Amino acid sequence: SGGVEGGACRAFDGLEGVVILKGKEGAIAMTTHQILYKSCEGAGRMSTALLKDIITVDVAQDDLVVILGENRKRLISAGFLSSYDVTELGRFFEKVKSRSDFLRTSASSSPPPPPPP
């Protein structure tokens, strides 16, 4: 059946401590530092990207949800927009944005200056 039962993808079932959004064709998950996409077709190849590298999310002309990095470089193609509940997809990527903004900010913030002698 390719991992899809009753229209729900079972990718990432059993993973703890992750935010998961399931679509009809695959699932997107967010861990503390990465975003993962797994297709439910066949063996289901997994794509990953670091949250700090994500700049934006868009929908390409072919209806694919694409996660983009610097210079609009495609990091992950996360299935067709039509396979997700658009409201849930929006909520999921709001969480991704908050987390990736936090990681970028904390990575770029310089340590405090040393105390004067």
Foldseek 3Di string as FASTA:
>chain_A
DLQADPQWHCPPPPPPQWDWFIFSFWIWIGHLFKIKIWGSHDPTDIFMDTLLQFDDWDQDPVQWIFTAGPPRHTRDGRDGPVRGDVVVVVVVVVVSVVSNVVVNVVVPDDDDDDDDD
